[in-house]
Protein backbone atom coordinates (compact mmCIF):
# COMPACT_ATOMS: atom_id res chain seq x y z
CA UNK A 1 -9.87 -10.78 1.41
CA UNK A 2 -11.40 -7.62 0.32
CA UNK A 3 -9.97 -4.47 1.83
CA UNK A 4 -11.91 -1.90 0.12
CA UNK A 5 -15.53 -2.68 -0.35
CA UNK A 6 -16.09 0.08 -2.55
CA UNK A 7 -13.78 -0.10 -5.16
CA UNK A 8 -13.63 -3.92 -4.89
CA UNK A 9 -9.72 -4.43 -3.84
CA UNK A 10 -8.66 -7.31 -1.99
CA UNK A 11 -5.29 -7.55 0.15
CA UNK A 12 -3.72 -9.59 -2.36
CA UNK A 13 -4.16 -6.90 -4.74
CA UNK A 14 -2.43 -4.74 -2.41
CA UNK A 15 0.80 -6.78 -1.59
CA UNK A 16 0.99 -7.08 -5.57
CA UNK A 17 0.92 -3.06 -6.22
CA UNK A 18 3.47 -3.23 -3.01
CA UNK A 19 5.80 -5.64 -4.81
CA UNK A 20 5.19 -3.32 -7.89
CA UNK A 21 6.54 -0.68 -6.34
CA UNK A 22 3.82 1.21 -4.05
CA UNK A 23 5.37 2.26 -0.97
CA UNK A 24 2.96 4.87 0.34
CA UNK A 25 -0.87 5.13 0.81
CA UNK A 26 -0.21 7.81 -2.22
CA UNK A 27 0.90 5.31 -4.34
CA UNK A 28 -1.96 2.97 -3.08
CA UNK A 29 -4.61 5.36 -3.79
CA UNK A 30 -3.18 6.31 -7.48
CA UNK A 31 -2.91 2.64 -8.33
CA UNK A 32 -5.46 1.13 -6.88
CA UNK A 33 -8.02 3.96 -5.85
CA UNK A 34 -8.14 2.69 -2.21
CA UNK A 35 -8.90 5.09 0.54
CA UNK A 36 -10.77 7.41 -2.24
CA UNK A 37 -14.73 6.97 -1.72
CA UNK A 38 -15.49 5.98 2.03
CA UNK A 39 -12.51 6.15 3.50
CA UNK A 40 -12.95 3.47 5.74
CA UNK A 41 -10.27 0.99 4.34
CA UNK A 42 -7.59 3.19 4.77
CA UNK A 43 -6.37 2.42 8.04
CA UNK A 44 -6.30 -1.23 6.89
CA UNK A 45 -4.46 -0.44 3.99
CA UNK A 46 -2.06 1.59 5.85
CA UNK A 47 -1.53 -1.46 8.16
CA UNK A 48 -1.20 -3.70 5.02
CA UNK A 49 1.29 -1.61 3.53
CA UNK A 50 3.63 -1.07 6.92
CA UNK A 51 3.46 -4.98 7.72
CA UNK A 52 4.43 -5.92 3.88
CA UNK A 53 7.18 -3.54 3.36
CA UNK A 54 8.60 -4.40 7.16
CA UNK A 55 8.78 -7.65 6.26
CA UNK A 56 10.41 -7.61 2.66
CA UNK A 57 13.80 -6.80 2.79
CA UNK A 58 13.91 -5.48 -0.77
CA UNK A 59 10.97 -3.10 -0.05
CA UNK A 60 12.21 -1.87 2.86
CA UNK A 61 15.30 -0.66 1.40
CA UNK A 62 13.09 1.15 -1.21
CA UNK A 63 11.48 2.95 1.58
CA UNK A 64 14.86 3.89 3.48
CA UNK A 65 16.00 5.04 0.02
CA UNK A 66 12.64 7.15 -0.40
CA UNK A 67 13.48 9.41 2.49
CA UNK A 68 17.21 10.35 1.49
CA UNK A 69 17.97 13.81 0.80
CA UNK A 70 19.17 14.60 -2.93
């Protein structure tokens, strides 16, 4: 299903980007340019990001490691 009509990005492309290491909206914007034109897809992208990260134990570990102070 298309999530971002402006850039032609599907939910599968977003999931692939997350599997490839994207763990924030900034990462998705940089990788796929979602949310950069009209912005209507941003809420759906954030929801998909959250759902995908919470469903994957490996991705959840990456997410928690991101906030560790150095």
